[in-house]
Protein backbone atom coordinates (compact mmCIF):
# COMPACT_ATOMS: atom_id res chain seq x y z
CA MET A 1 -0.22 0.38 -0.05
CA GLU A 2 1.14 3.29 -0.76
CA SER A 3 2.65 5.60 2.48
CA ALA A 4 0.79 9.20 2.58
CA SER A 5 4.34 10.84 0.49
CA SER A 6 2.51 10.78 -2.70
CA ARG A 7 -0.53 12.75 -1.30
CA GLU A 8 2.41 14.73 -0.10
CA ALA A 9 4.18 15.00 -3.64
CA GLU A 10 0.72 16.46 -4.87
CA VAL A 11 0.74 19.25 -2.34
CA HIS A 12 4.35 19.95 -2.83
CA TRP A 13 3.27 20.31 -7.05
CA ALA A 14 0.70 22.59 -5.99
CA LYS A 15 2.85 24.56 -4.16
CA ILE A 16 5.35 24.73 -7.12
CA GLU A 17 2.49 25.52 -9.67
CA ALA A 18 1.64 28.54 -7.52
CA VAL A 19 4.75 30.55 -7.62
CA ALA A 20 5.60 33.09 -9.94
CA TRP A 21 8.93 31.54 -10.84
CA GLU A 22 11.67 32.87 -12.71
CA TRP A 23 14.80 31.08 -13.93
CA VAL A 24 18.44 32.73 -15.68
CA ARG A 25 19.97 30.02 -17.66
CA ILE A 26 24.17 29.77 -17.48
CA GLN A 27 26.33 29.33 -19.51
CA ILE A 28 30.59 28.62 -19.34
CA VAL A 29 32.17 31.07 -22.30
CA SER A 30 35.61 30.71 -20.84
CA ILE A 31 37.90 31.01 -18.03
CA SER A 32 41.61 31.24 -18.62
CA ASN A 33 44.68 32.30 -16.60
CA LEU A 34 43.52 30.38 -13.57
CA PRO A 35 46.63 30.05 -10.95
CA LYS A 36 48.92 27.21 -10.69
CA GLU A 37 49.93 25.88 -7.55
CA GLY A 38 52.87 24.43 -5.65
CA LEU A 39 56.45 24.91 -4.69
CA PHE A 40 57.22 25.24 -8.21
CA ASN A 41 53.95 26.88 -9.89
CA HIS A 42 53.58 23.38 -11.57
CA ASP A 43 50.76 22.11 -9.81
CA LYS A 44 47.51 23.05 -12.06
CA PRO A 45 44.06 24.10 -10.28
CA ASP A 46 41.01 21.78 -9.71
CA ALA A 47 38.25 24.23 -10.15
CA TYR A 48 34.85 24.60 -9.91
CA ILE A 49 32.31 27.45 -9.86
CA CYS A 50 29.22 28.48 -7.79
CA VAL A 51 26.48 30.59 -9.05
CA THR A 52 23.97 32.37 -6.74
CA ALA A 53 21.10 34.47 -8.06
CA ASN A 54 20.50 36.97 -4.47
CA GLY A 55 16.56 36.85 -5.42
CA GLU A 56 13.92 35.13 -3.16
CA GLN A 57 13.25 31.44 -2.49
CA PRO A 58 9.65 30.52 -2.02
CA ASP A 59 8.86 28.99 1.48
CA ILE A 60 9.15 25.33 -0.31
CA ASP A 61 11.06 22.07 0.71
CA PHE A 62 13.80 20.93 -1.93
CA ASP A 63 16.75 19.07 -1.84
CA SER A 64 19.02 22.23 -2.55
CA ASN A 65 18.40 26.14 -2.96
CA VAL A 66 17.10 26.39 -6.25
CA ASN A 67 19.03 29.88 -6.37
CA GLU A 68 22.21 28.31 -6.58
CA PHE A 69 23.77 26.05 -9.42
CA LYS A 70 27.41 24.27 -8.90
CA PHE A 71 29.45 23.72 -12.19
CA PRO A 72 31.85 20.77 -11.33
CA VAL A 73 35.39 20.02 -10.42
CA HIS A 74 37.45 20.23 -13.27
CA SER A 75 40.80 18.87 -12.55
CA ASN A 76 44.29 20.14 -13.18
CA GLU A 77 43.21 22.38 -15.94
CA THR A 78 44.08 25.93 -16.36
CA ASN A 79 41.71 27.10 -19.03
CA PRO A 80 38.78 24.13 -18.27
CA LYS A 81 35.42 23.91 -20.24
CA TRP A 82 31.83 23.04 -19.08
CA TYR A 83 29.56 21.76 -21.64
CA ARG A 84 26.43 22.41 -19.80
CA THR A 85 23.56 24.69 -19.22
CA GLY A 86 23.29 25.59 -15.55
CA VAL A 87 20.02 26.94 -14.09
CA VAL A 88 18.80 29.17 -11.03
CA ALA A 89 15.76 30.31 -10.22
CA TYR A 90 13.84 32.85 -7.35
CA THR A 91 10.62 34.59 -7.64
CA LYS A 92 10.14 36.42 -10.03
CA ASP A 93 11.54 39.83 -10.50
CA THR A 94 13.03 39.78 -6.59
CA ALA A 95 17.47 38.95 -8.38
CA SER A 96 19.06 41.74 -8.81
CA SER A 97 22.62 39.93 -9.51
CA ILE A 98 23.92 36.62 -10.61
CA LYS A 99 27.00 36.07 -8.08
CA PHE A 100 30.02 33.86 -9.47
CA THR A 101 32.52 32.12 -7.35
CA VAL A 102 35.33 30.30 -8.86
CA LYS A 103 37.38 28.19 -6.46
CA ASP A 104 40.25 25.52 -6.60
CA LYS A 105 39.38 22.61 -4.73
CA ASN A 106 41.76 21.36 -1.86
CA ASP A 107 40.93 17.53 -0.15
CA VAL A 108 43.50 18.62 2.96
CA PHE A 109 42.52 22.72 3.37
CA SER A 110 40.31 24.94 2.62
CA ASP A 111 39.21 25.54 -0.82
CA LYS A 112 41.56 28.46 -2.19
CA LEU A 113 38.80 31.52 -3.68
CA ILE A 114 40.43 32.71 -7.07
CA LEU A 115 37.22 35.14 -8.43
CA GLU A 116 34.33 36.49 -6.51
CA GLN A 117 32.39 38.51 -8.73
CA GLU A 118 28.66 39.45 -9.71
CA VAL A 119 26.78 40.94 -12.92
CA PRO A 120 23.57 42.29 -12.90
CA VAL A 121 20.58 39.74 -14.11
CA PRO A 122 20.11 40.34 -17.82
CA PRO A 123 16.13 41.25 -19.42
CA GLU A 124 14.07 38.90 -19.85
CA SER A 125 14.61 37.69 -23.56
CA ASP A 126 14.87 34.69 -25.68
CA SER A 127 18.94 35.70 -26.89
CA TRP A 128 21.50 35.05 -24.44
CA GLU A 129 23.57 38.09 -22.91
CA GLU A 130 27.22 37.63 -22.29
CA ALA A 131 29.28 39.02 -19.29
CA THR A 132 32.81 38.78 -18.61
CA MET A 133 34.48 39.23 -15.57
CA THR A 134 38.12 39.83 -14.13
CA GLN A 135 40.00 39.55 -11.05
CA GLY A 136 44.11 39.61 -11.20
CA ASP A 137 45.13 37.53 -14.53
CA VAL A 138 41.97 35.62 -14.44
CA LYS A 139 39.28 36.56 -16.86
CA LEU A 140 35.63 34.32 -16.66
CA THR A 141 33.20 35.16 -19.69
CA VAL A 142 29.61 33.58 -19.42
CA ARG A 143 26.13 34.01 -21.15
CA LEU A 144 23.00 34.18 -19.42
CA GLN A 145 19.35 33.86 -20.89
CA ARG A 146 16.80 35.04 -18.16
CA SER A 147 13.17 33.53 -18.11
CA SER A 148 9.61 33.49 -16.73
CA THR A 149 8.72 30.62 -19.16
CA PRO A 150 9.66 26.93 -17.80
CA ILE A 151 11.74 24.85 -19.58
CA CYS A 152 9.37 21.89 -18.56
CA SER A 153 5.97 22.10 -17.25
CA ARG A 154 4.04 19.69 -15.20
CA ALA A 155 1.87 19.33 -18.70
CA ASP A 156 5.07 18.64 -20.38
CA TYR A 157 5.74 15.74 -17.74
CA ASP A 158 2.19 14.16 -18.11
CA ALA A 159 2.70 14.31 -21.68
CA MET A 160 5.04 11.77 -21.69
CA GLN A 161 2.38 9.35 -20.41
CA LEU A 162 4.60 6.83 -18.63
CA GLN A 163 3.34 3.97 -17.24
CA ALA A 164 4.31 2.70 -13.48
CA LYS A 165 4.88 -1.01 -12.84
CA THR A 166 5.72 -1.56 -9.36
CA LEU A 167 8.28 -4.47 -8.71
CA LYS A 168 8.17 -6.55 -5.51
CA ILE A 169 11.64 -7.09 -4.30
CA ASP A 170 13.30 -8.72 -1.20
CA GLY A 171 16.14 -6.67 0.70
CA ASP A 172 16.54 -5.09 4.18
CA GLY A 173 15.22 -1.37 4.17
CA GLY A 174 12.85 -1.48 1.04
CA ASP A 175 11.35 -3.76 -0.55
CA HIS A 176 9.94 -2.19 -3.77
CA ALA A 177 11.16 -0.67 -6.68
CA VAL A 178 9.45 1.29 -9.53
CA LEU A 179 10.03 0.91 -13.20
CA MET A 180 8.76 3.88 -15.54
CA SER A 181 8.10 3.01 -19.22
CA ARG A 182 6.41 3.74 -22.62
CA THR A 183 6.43 1.45 -25.75
CA ASN A 184 5.69 1.54 -29.17
CA PRO A 185 5.09 -1.39 -31.53
CA LYS A 186 7.10 0.02 -33.81
CA HIS A 187 9.46 0.97 -32.20
CA SER A 188 13.03 -1.91 -32.45
CA LYS A 189 15.25 -0.17 -30.13
CA CYS A 190 15.01 0.69 -26.15
CA VAL A 191 16.56 3.01 -23.66
CA LEU A 192 17.13 2.42 -20.08
CA TYR A 193 17.53 5.67 -17.72
CA TYR A 194 19.33 4.54 -14.62
CA PRO A 195 19.22 7.80 -12.32
CA GLY A 196 21.42 8.33 -9.47
CA ARG A 197 20.71 7.79 -5.95
CA GLY A 198 19.46 11.64 -5.82
CA ASP A 199 17.75 11.56 -9.01
CA VAL A 200 14.18 10.25 -10.84
CA PHE A 201 13.47 10.49 -14.28
CA ALA A 202 11.44 13.69 -14.94
CA ASN A 203 12.90 15.03 -18.28
CA PRO A 204 10.74 14.98 -20.94
CA LEU A 205 13.22 16.89 -23.64
CA VAL A 206 15.53 13.50 -22.85
CA PHE A 207 12.48 11.76 -23.77
CA GLU A 208 11.53 12.89 -26.59
CA ALA A 209 14.95 13.08 -27.67
CA PHE A 210 14.91 9.56 -27.70
CA TRP A 211 11.27 8.81 -28.63
CA LYS A 212 11.43 10.55 -31.70
CA ARG A 213 14.51 8.29 -32.83
CA GLY A 214 12.29 4.86 -32.58
CA TYR A 215 13.29 4.12 -28.87
CA ASP A 216 10.99 2.86 -26.11
CA PHE A 217 11.93 4.03 -22.89
CA TYR A 218 12.52 2.43 -19.32
CA SER A 219 13.22 4.35 -15.94
CA LEU A 220 13.84 2.48 -13.16
CA ASP A 221 13.81 3.82 -9.44
CA PRO A 222 15.69 1.33 -7.20
CA ARG A 223 14.44 0.12 -3.80
CA ARG A 224 14.40 3.66 -1.31
CA CYS A 225 14.83 5.96 -4.36
CA GLY A 226 12.69 8.34 -6.26
CA ARG A 227 8.93 7.10 -6.66
CA SER A 228 9.90 4.18 -4.56
CA ARG A 229 10.26 5.87 -1.59
CA ARG A 230 6.18 6.64 -1.51
CA TYR A 231 6.56 2.97 0.21
CA MET A 232 8.56 3.37 2.64
CA GLU A 233 6.97 4.12 6.33
CA ASP A 234 9.39 6.90 6.58
CA PRO A 235 10.51 8.61 3.01
CA ALA A 236 13.12 10.72 4.41
CA VAL A 237 15.20 7.79 4.97
CA GLY A 238 15.56 7.10 1.01
CA HIS A 239 18.20 7.17 -0.93
CA THR A 240 20.47 5.70 1.77
CA LEU A 241 23.02 2.44 0.89
CA ALA A 242 25.75 0.35 2.13
CA ASN A 243 26.58 -1.21 -1.18
CA PHE A 244 25.51 -0.64 -4.74
CA ASP A 245 25.19 -4.45 -4.88
CA GLU A 246 21.96 -3.94 -3.31
CA TYR A 247 20.20 -2.93 -6.15
CA GLU A 248 20.82 -5.84 -8.43
CA PRO A 249 17.76 -7.68 -7.84
CA GLU A 250 15.47 -4.77 -9.37
CA LEU A 251 18.04 -4.02 -12.25
CA ASP A 252 18.32 -7.94 -13.12
CA LEU A 253 14.18 -7.76 -12.88
CA THR A 254 14.14 -4.87 -14.73
CA MET A 255 16.29 -6.24 -17.49
CA LYS A 256 14.07 -9.17 -17.30
CA ILE A 257 10.90 -7.09 -17.98
CA ILE A 258 12.60 -6.15 -21.50
CA ALA A 259 13.66 -8.73 -22.30
CA ASP A 260 9.94 -10.41 -22.34
CA THR A 261 8.46 -7.08 -24.00
CA LYS A 262 10.10 -7.88 -27.23
CA LYS A 263 13.74 -8.34 -28.93
CA TYR A 264 15.23 -5.42 -28.83
CA ASP A 265 18.01 -4.86 -31.60
CA THR A 266 19.53 -2.44 -29.62
CA THR A 267 19.25 -1.88 -25.87
CA LEU A 268 21.06 1.66 -24.53
CA ALA A 269 21.78 2.13 -20.69
CA TYR A 270 21.44 5.88 -20.22
CA CYS A 271 22.92 6.97 -16.47
């Protein structure tokens, strides 16, 4: 039987949809001249970039602050490149600036600050606006796009028409997994999305990219993760495990279900 968390999820969605949101998308165009470290300046930095909007956050519980985004560590590079788009969100018209903080990761001592600068929030537009920051010899160039139109809406999510199948499994601390899927008799390929422990598939753009190319779509939420947490007495302790081998039974069962569905010419794993 499902716990109260499924009802709580609907309440959570309603709170999110009631907010007048604004988003700023961020791309790192380039960063150059990051300082070297070490006795003879031979050690290249392990740089990462934190982006923070100074806008108001609604009183809604999220796993992390929605007005913050982190571009992950690039190890041992003086001119790293990040091929991704970051997003920060806040209540509409409450942010005036975006702060960029560049640091050098240090596993022994405190991370070293390399650059910290703010740029104005750009006007709302379909186009991107470029901004450049300098601190000493370090130069950071970024692209920003401000929008009050969501990248994906609840309607986009529902339009994927993913069907849920509950998998009964044996194991301590969680005896259910959830497999989401959508198939088409004309498709001869499939992809299995396997999210991280703190993740759950909810990306209509990724689904559409595979679906249009003739792929059936599967996504597994293993025990204690994502949609499977609704079967726990306390969903707050989800996403915990001692060994990734715990997930093997539901993964094996998922692969059997896929194999029994049809004989695919191609099967991809998307992790």
